[in-house]
Amino acid sequence: MKTTAVLLGALACASFASLSQAATLEASDCWIRAMPPNMLSSGYFKVSNSGDTPATLTNADAPAFGMTMMHKSETKGSTATMSHVETVDVPAHGTLQFAPKGYHLMLEQPSKPLQVGSTIPLSLSFADKTTLKVNCAVKSASTVGN
């Protein structure tokens, strides 16, 4: 009986720790570039962390697309590169910005054509099992920022 009480207490503490991490994270300013159906699209957003510990973004999922991947673009001199990233850290008391020419989502295989002015749901998953849900505005392909 005593072992069960200790185990339940530990589980309650773990659940509370996960809830408190979720309370420190907020996703905002999400938008997706409207592209023709046969072309790759890109997604951008901001995650703010008001907590005392960093949070690690491990996955992004947009059900409106068959594939969603996190990438980072970098320019060194006259050479621009883009690479896949598995995780990205959101610093404690800081912000992670997914924006053109930096971290971004690559969105492939849309289930239907994107309509400027519509919204698409996005889920962001973190290493501690926290999930944030945000709606992303679909914007013109010529959009350069929020």
Protein backbone atom coordinates (compact mmCIF):
# COMPACT_ATOMS: atom_id res chain seq x y z
CA MET A 1 0.00 0.00 0.00
CA LYS A 2 2.81 2.41 0.94
CA THR A 3 4.62 1.61 -2.34
CA THR A 4 1.46 2.41 -4.30
CA ALA A 5 1.10 5.77 -2.55
CA VAL A 6 4.73 6.66 -3.30
CA LEU A 7 4.29 5.66 -6.95
CA LEU A 8 1.09 7.69 -7.30
CA GLY A 9 2.81 10.68 -5.71
CA ALA A 10 5.71 10.41 -8.15
CA LEU A 11 3.32 10.19 -11.11
CA ALA A 12 1.41 13.24 -9.88
CA CYS A 13 4.67 15.21 -9.60
CA ALA A 14 5.72 14.15 -13.11
CA SER A 15 2.32 15.18 -14.49
CA PHE A 16 2.53 18.54 -12.72
CA ALA A 17 6.06 19.13 -14.06
CA SER A 18 4.83 18.46 -17.60
CA LEU A 19 1.85 20.80 -17.12
CA SER A 20 4.08 23.53 -15.72
CA GLN A 21 6.41 23.28 -18.75
CA ALA A 22 3.39 23.53 -21.06
CA ALA A 23 2.29 26.67 -19.23
CA THR A 24 5.65 28.32 -19.96
CA LEU A 25 5.52 27.78 -23.74
CA GLU A 26 3.43 29.75 -26.21
CA ALA A 27 3.29 29.53 -30.01
CA SER A 28 2.25 32.56 -32.07
CA ASP A 29 2.59 34.40 -35.40
CA CYS A 30 2.21 31.21 -37.44
CA TRP A 31 1.88 31.50 -41.20
CA ILE A 32 2.31 29.28 -44.24
CA ARG A 33 3.35 30.38 -47.71
CA ALA A 34 0.70 29.54 -50.35
CA MET A 35 2.37 27.72 -53.21
CA PRO A 36 1.02 25.74 -56.18
CA PRO A 37 0.15 22.14 -55.17
CA ASN A 38 3.17 20.61 -56.95
CA MET A 39 5.68 22.85 -55.13
CA LEU A 40 7.11 22.75 -51.61
CA SER A 41 5.66 25.24 -49.17
CA SER A 42 7.17 26.68 -46.00
CA GLY A 43 5.87 27.51 -42.54
CA TYR A 44 6.95 30.01 -39.93
CA PHE A 45 6.08 30.70 -36.29
CA LYS A 46 7.41 31.92 -32.96
CA VAL A 47 7.68 29.94 -29.71
CA SER A 48 8.19 31.89 -26.48
CA ASN A 49 9.48 30.19 -23.33
CA SER A 50 8.87 32.05 -20.07
CA GLY A 51 10.18 29.11 -18.02
CA ASP A 52 13.48 28.65 -16.22
CA THR A 53 14.62 25.73 -18.39
CA PRO A 54 15.14 25.40 -22.14
CA ALA A 55 12.56 23.45 -24.15
CA THR A 56 13.52 21.23 -27.08
CA LEU A 57 11.24 21.26 -30.14
CA THR A 58 11.33 17.75 -31.61
CA ASN A 59 8.55 17.69 -34.19
CA ALA A 60 6.03 19.75 -36.12
CA ASP A 61 2.94 18.25 -37.70
CA ALA A 62 0.50 19.90 -40.10
CA PRO A 63 -2.23 17.39 -41.03
CA ALA A 64 -2.95 19.40 -44.22
CA PHE A 65 0.40 18.14 -45.58
CA GLY A 66 1.73 14.64 -46.18
CA MET A 67 5.16 15.61 -44.82
CA THR A 68 6.38 18.29 -42.42
CA MET A 69 10.09 18.71 -41.69
CA MET A 70 12.15 21.24 -39.74
CA HIS A 71 14.98 22.91 -41.68
CA LYS A 72 17.54 25.65 -41.21
CA SER A 73 18.81 27.97 -43.96
CA GLU A 74 22.20 29.62 -43.60
CA THR A 75 24.21 31.95 -45.79
CA LYS A 76 28.00 31.98 -45.62
CA GLY A 77 29.53 34.46 -48.00
CA SER A 78 27.81 33.91 -51.33
CA THR A 79 26.72 30.35 -50.54
CA ALA A 80 23.27 29.55 -49.18
CA THR A 81 22.53 26.13 -47.71
CA MET A 82 19.49 24.43 -46.22
CA SER A 83 19.67 21.44 -43.92
CA HIS A 84 17.24 19.20 -42.05
CA VAL A 85 17.28 19.56 -38.24
CA GLU A 86 16.01 16.94 -35.79
CA THR A 87 15.58 19.30 -32.80
CA VAL A 88 15.71 23.00 -32.01
CA ASP A 89 16.05 24.51 -28.53
CA VAL A 90 13.87 27.29 -27.20
CA PRO A 91 16.01 29.08 -24.58
CA ALA A 92 14.75 29.67 -21.06
CA HIS A 93 13.16 33.14 -20.88
CA GLY A 94 13.67 33.39 -24.63
CA THR A 95 12.14 33.00 -28.05
CA LEU A 96 12.67 30.71 -31.02
CA GLN A 97 11.74 32.26 -34.35
CA PHE A 98 11.04 30.21 -37.47
CA ALA A 99 11.33 32.83 -40.22
CA PRO A 100 12.38 33.16 -43.87
CA LYS A 101 16.16 32.65 -44.32
CA GLY A 102 16.47 30.86 -40.96
CA TYR A 103 14.68 28.01 -39.24
CA HIS A 104 11.52 27.05 -41.13
CA LEU A 105 9.17 24.18 -41.84
CA MET A 106 9.27 22.44 -45.20
CA LEU A 107 5.74 21.36 -46.07
CA GLU A 108 5.20 18.77 -48.78
CA GLN A 109 2.26 16.97 -50.37
CA PRO A 110 -0.67 19.26 -49.49
CA SER A 111 -3.98 17.40 -49.23
CA LYS A 112 -5.67 20.21 -51.17
CA PRO A 113 -4.63 23.54 -52.74
CA LEU A 114 -3.81 26.28 -50.22
CA GLN A 115 -6.15 29.27 -50.18
CA VAL A 116 -4.76 32.65 -49.12
CA GLY A 117 -6.73 33.84 -46.09
CA SER A 118 -7.52 30.36 -44.77
CA THR A 119 -5.93 28.80 -41.68
CA ILE A 120 -4.19 25.47 -41.18
CA PRO A 121 -3.65 23.78 -37.80
CA LEU A 122 -0.10 22.98 -36.67
CA SER A 123 1.05 20.91 -33.68
CA LEU A 124 4.48 21.44 -32.14
CA SER A 125 5.90 18.63 -30.00
CA PHE A 126 8.66 18.95 -27.42
CA ALA A 127 11.08 16.50 -25.80
CA ASP A 128 9.18 16.62 -22.48
CA LYS A 129 5.99 15.45 -24.29
CA THR A 130 4.46 18.95 -24.25
CA THR A 131 2.40 19.74 -27.36
CA LEU A 132 1.38 23.20 -28.55
CA LYS A 133 -1.35 23.73 -31.10
CA VAL A 134 -1.51 26.86 -33.22
CA ASN A 135 -3.48 27.95 -36.29
CA CYS A 136 -1.40 29.20 -39.20
CA ALA A 137 -2.61 31.85 -41.61
CA VAL A 138 -2.08 31.02 -45.28
CA LYS A 139 -0.39 34.00 -46.92
CA SER A 140 0.64 34.91 -50.44
CA ALA A 141 3.80 33.34 -51.86
CA SER A 142 5.31 36.84 -52.07
CA THR A 143 5.06 37.43 -48.28
CA VAL A 144 8.49 38.11 -46.75
CA GLY A 145 7.59 38.20 -43.04
CA ASN A 146 4.78 38.17 -40.49
